[in-house]
Amino acid sequence: VLSNAYVGFDFSDSVELKTLDASVLPEYKIHPDDAELDDEPTLFEEMMNANIEDDSDSEEEEDSDSDDESEEGGIRELTAAERKKQELQNARKKAASAAGDDSDSDDDSDVEEVHAD
């Protein structure tokens, strides 16, 4: 079955191409602005570095950060993302304490293992 969207495009034609030897071509020179771009991080590297800097799930690091800020002479205002993260953590703690689970450990001793054959 042929698609009707390509009606009239099914033709062939011959084209003649002439290739040149590499010795005939002019020498390629890199523009100085392009050479400087090699020193800049790529978008991928920037994203990876941002994830490393922002990746802190432990509460000890957050507590030490807040102590450092107060020692520096001022308390900085939380960004909207930091505020939301803090609110979510507080909500999880409240839910855990309401359920009677005050521990914040990763102990899975009470979890039943299920194996699929």
Foldseek 3Di string as FASTA:
>chain_A
DDDPVCPPVPDDDDDDDDDDDPVPDDDDDDDPVRVVCVVPDDPVVVVVVVCVVPDDDDVVVVVVVQVVQVVVPDGDDDDPVRVVVVVVVVVVCVVCVVVVNNDPDPDPPVPDDDDDD
